[in-house]
């Protein structure tokens, strides 16, 4: 998962806490975690799993999908293919070129499907 995904979840948790006039500490207490861990979740620097997400949603009294951003709202990841070094074998060079072409074609098809 991308860090932006967890930052967005944290932002949604923070907005809900504000709307409910609750503190991070009260949510941390409900979840039996420290305020420091709660702060990391809110800032998006701690990845959370489905069980933790469910516990947070229950404590906030919201459906889990309220906390999860849709993939269309997220920045698409940048995919890069690179190789550092020198390839001496002609057959290996051809294989790398085939892989690069296949990746380019997959990304092109993905872009077509996303439109």
C-alpha atoms as a PDB file:
ATOM      1  CA  UNK A   1       0.000   0.000   0.000  1.00  0.00           C
ATOM      2  CA  UNK A   2       1.070   3.522  -0.759  1.00  0.00           C
ATOM      3  CA  UNK A   3       1.857   5.927   2.105  1.00  0.00           C
ATOM      4  CA  UNK A   4      -0.737   8.360   0.678  1.00  0.00           C
ATOM      5  CA  UNK A   5      -3.388   5.697   1.264  1.00  0.00           C
ATOM      6  CA  UNK A   6      -2.612   5.573   4.996  1.00  0.00           C
ATOM      7  CA  UNK A   7      -2.334   9.381   5.195  1.00  0.00           C
ATOM      8  CA  UNK A   8      -5.828   9.651   3.705  1.00  0.00           C
ATOM      9  CA  UNK A   9      -7.193   7.146   6.238  1.00  0.00           C
ATOM     10  CA  UNK A  10      -5.547   9.137   9.033  1.00  0.00           C
ATOM     11  CA  UNK A  11      -7.019  12.356   7.697  1.00  0.00           C
ATOM     12  CA  UNK A  12     -10.490  10.810   7.623  1.00  0.00           C
ATOM     13  CA  UNK A  13     -10.094   9.576  11.201  1.00  0.00           C
ATOM     14  CA  UNK A  14      -8.978  13.045  12.261  1.00  0.00           C
ATOM     15  CA  UNK A  15     -11.994  14.720  10.601  1.00  0.00           C
ATOM     16  CA  UNK A  16     -14.373  12.292  12.271  1.00  0.00           C
ATOM     17  CA  UNK A  17     -12.737  12.894  15.663  1.00  0.00           C
ATOM     18  CA  UNK A  18     -13.152  16.652  15.180  1.00  0.00           C
ATOM     19  CA  UNK A  19     -16.800  16.270  14.126  1.00  0.00           C
ATOM     20  CA  UNK A  20     -17.434  14.118  17.209  1.00  0.00           C
ATOM     21  CA  UNK A  21     -15.513  16.540  19.457  1.00  0.00           C
ATOM     22  CA  UNK A  22     -13.219  13.687  20.504  1.00  0.00           C
ATOM     23  CA  UNK A  23      -9.510  13.577  21.110  1.00  0.00           C
ATOM     24  CA  UNK A  24      -6.909  11.234  19.697  1.00  0.00           C
ATOM     25  CA  UNK A  25      -6.346  10.102  23.275  1.00  0.00           C
ATOM     26  CA  UNK A  26      -9.973   8.994  23.702  1.00  0.00           C
ATOM     27  CA  UNK A  27      -9.744   6.897  20.526  1.00  0.00           C
ATOM     28  CA  UNK A  28      -6.375   5.504  21.632  1.00  0.00           C
ATOM     29  CA  UNK A  29      -7.918   4.561  24.980  1.00  0.00           C
ATOM     30  CA  UNK A  30     -10.816   2.788  23.232  1.00  0.00           C
ATOM     31  CA  UNK A  31      -8.332   0.810  21.147  1.00  0.00           C
ATOM     32  CA  UNK A  32      -5.925   0.105  24.037  1.00  0.00           C
ATOM     33  CA  UNK A  33      -3.020   1.709  22.214  1.00  0.00           C
ATOM     34  CA  UNK A  34      -0.722   4.544  23.167  1.00  0.00           C
ATOM     35  CA  UNK A  35      -1.310   8.127  22.129  1.00  0.00           C
ATOM     36  CA  UNK A  36       1.960   7.937  20.164  1.00  0.00           C
ATOM     37  CA  UNK A  37       0.693   5.004  18.069  1.00  0.00           C
ATOM     38  CA  UNK A  38      -2.616   6.811  17.522  1.00  0.00           C
ATOM     39  CA  UNK A  39      -0.696   9.894  16.377  1.00  0.00           C
ATOM     40  CA  UNK A  40       1.245   7.771  13.861  1.00  0.00           C
ATOM     41  CA  UNK A  41      -2.006   6.322  12.512  1.00  0.00           C
ATOM     42  CA  UNK A  42      -3.505   9.807  12.130  1.00  0.00           C
ATOM     43  CA  UNK A  43      -0.353  11.065  10.361  1.00  0.00           C
ATOM     44  CA  UNK A  44      -0.326   8.025   8.086  1.00  0.00           C
ATOM     45  CA  UNK A  45       3.139   6.917   9.155  1.00  0.00           C
ATOM     46  CA  UNK A  46       1.855   3.617  10.564  1.00  0.00           C
ATOM     47  CA  UNK A  47       0.258   1.106   8.249  1.00  0.00           C
ATOM     48  CA  UNK A  48      -2.870  -0.437   9.685  1.00  0.00           C
ATOM     49  CA  UNK A  49      -4.454  -3.756   8.856  1.00  0.00           C
ATOM     50  CA  UNK A  50      -8.106  -4.667   8.318  1.00  0.00           C
ATOM     51  CA  UNK A  51      -8.647  -5.719  11.938  1.00  0.00           C
ATOM     52  CA  UNK A  52      -7.279  -2.413  13.249  1.00  0.00           C
ATOM     53  CA  UNK A  53      -9.348  -0.502  10.695  1.00  0.00           C
ATOM     54  CA  UNK A  54     -12.462  -2.351  11.845  1.00  0.00           C
ATOM     55  CA  UNK A  55     -11.730  -1.538  15.489  1.00  0.00           C
ATOM     56  CA  UNK A  56     -11.235   2.141  14.675  1.00  0.00           C
ATOM     57  CA  UNK A  57     -14.469   2.272  12.671  1.00  0.00           C
ATOM     58  CA  UNK A  58     -16.410   0.580  15.498  1.00  0.00           C
ATOM     59  CA  UNK A  59     -15.015   3.011  18.053  1.00  0.00           C
ATOM     60  CA  UNK A  60     -15.935   5.964  15.853  1.00  0.00           C
ATOM     61  CA  UNK A  61     -19.360   4.506  15.081  1.00  0.00           C
ATOM     62  CA  UNK A  62     -18.864   4.652  11.315  1.00  0.00           C
ATOM     63  CA  UNK A  63     -18.779   2.035   8.549  1.00  0.00           C
ATOM     64  CA  UNK A  64     -15.274   0.870   7.603  1.00  0.00           C
ATOM     65  CA  UNK A  65     -15.685   2.146   4.047  1.00  0.00           C
ATOM     66  CA  UNK A  66     -16.033   5.678   5.452  1.00  0.00           C
ATOM     67  CA  UNK A  67     -12.363   5.469   6.390  1.00  0.00           C
ATOM     68  CA  UNK A  68     -11.087   3.912   3.166  1.00  0.00           C
ATOM     69  CA  UNK A  69     -10.408   6.169   0.184  1.00  0.00           C
ATOM     70  CA  UNK A  70     -11.427   4.822  -3.193  1.00  0.00           C
ATOM     71  CA  UNK A  71      -8.536   4.101  -5.521  1.00  0.00           C
ATOM     72  CA  UNK A  72      -9.869   6.684  -7.968  1.00  0.00           C
ATOM     73  CA  UNK A  73      -9.257   9.369  -5.323  1.00  0.00           C
ATOM     74  CA  UNK A  74      -5.627   8.364  -4.932  1.00  0.00           C
ATOM     75  CA  UNK A  75      -2.706   9.489  -7.054  1.00  0.00           C
ATOM     76  CA  UNK A  76      -1.694   6.668  -9.366  1.00  0.00           C
ATOM     77  CA  UNK A  77       1.647   5.156  -8.433  1.00  0.00           C
ATOM     78  CA  UNK A  78       4.606   5.906 -10.647  1.00  0.00           C
ATOM     79  CA  UNK A  79       5.960   2.721 -12.131  1.00  0.00           C
ATOM     80  CA  UNK A  80       9.572   2.672 -13.205  1.00  0.00           C
ATOM     81  CA  UNK A  81      11.592  -0.091 -14.724  1.00  0.00           C
ATOM     82  CA  UNK A  82      15.318   0.200 -14.601  1.00  0.00           C
ATOM     83  CA  UNK A  83      18.462  -1.771 -14.545  1.00  0.00           C
ATOM     84  CA  UNK A  84      21.830  -0.648 -13.295  1.00  0.00           C
ATOM     85  CA  UNK A  85      24.732  -2.432 -14.763  1.00  0.00           C
ATOM     86  CA  UNK A  86      25.944  -3.786 -18.030  1.00  0.00           C
ATOM     87  CA  UNK A  87      24.596  -6.798 -19.853  1.00  0.00           C
ATOM     88  CA  UNK A  88      27.185  -8.523 -21.971  1.00  0.00           C
ATOM     89  CA  UNK A  89      25.097 -11.427 -23.236  1.00  0.00           C
ATOM     90  CA  UNK A  90      23.029 -10.603 -26.311  1.00  0.00           C
ATOM     91  CA  UNK A  91      20.348 -13.144 -25.368  1.00  0.00           C
ATOM     92  CA  UNK A  92      19.947 -11.521 -21.919  1.00  0.00           C
ATOM     93  CA  UNK A  93      19.647  -8.078 -23.548  1.00  0.00           C
ATOM     94  CA  UNK A  94      16.857  -9.423 -25.750  1.00  0.00           C
ATOM     95  CA  UNK A  95      15.062 -10.866 -22.712  1.00  0.00           C
ATOM     96  CA  UNK A  96      15.281  -7.549 -20.867  1.00  0.00           C
ATOM     97  CA  UNK A  97      13.902  -5.756 -23.908  1.00  0.00           C
ATOM     98  CA  UNK A  98      11.026  -8.249 -24.098  1.00  0.00           C
ATOM     99  CA  UNK A  99      10.250  -7.655 -20.414  1.00  0.00           C
ATOM    100  CA  UNK A 100      10.372  -3.873 -20.869  1.00  0.00           C
ATOM    101  CA  UNK A 101       7.997  -4.141 -23.852  1.00  0.00           C
ATOM    102  CA  UNK A 102       5.602  -6.371 -21.903  1.00  0.00           C
ATOM    103  CA  UNK A 103       5.553  -3.917 -18.980  1.00  0.00           C
ATOM    104  CA  UNK A 104       4.912  -0.987 -21.318  1.00  0.00           C
ATOM    105  CA  UNK A 105       2.029  -2.874 -22.942  1.00  0.00           C
ATOM    106  CA  UNK A 106       0.514  -3.777 -19.550  1.00  0.00           C
ATOM    107  CA  UNK A 107       0.684  -0.151 -18.409  1.00  0.00           C
ATOM    108  CA  UNK A 108      -0.889   0.987 -21.669  1.00  0.00           C
ATOM    109  CA  UNK A 109      -3.758  -1.492 -21.247  1.00  0.00           C
ATOM    110  CA  UNK A 110      -4.228  -0.450 -17.622  1.00  0.00           C
ATOM    111  CA  UNK A 111      -4.481   3.183 -18.702  1.00  0.00           C
ATOM    112  CA  UNK A 112      -7.085   2.239 -21.304  1.00  0.00           C
ATOM    113  CA  UNK A 113      -9.153   0.389 -18.712  1.00  0.00           C
ATOM    114  CA  UNK A 114      -8.942   3.283 -16.242  1.00  0.00           C
ATOM    115  CA  UNK A 115     -10.396   5.778 -18.724  1.00  0.00           C
END
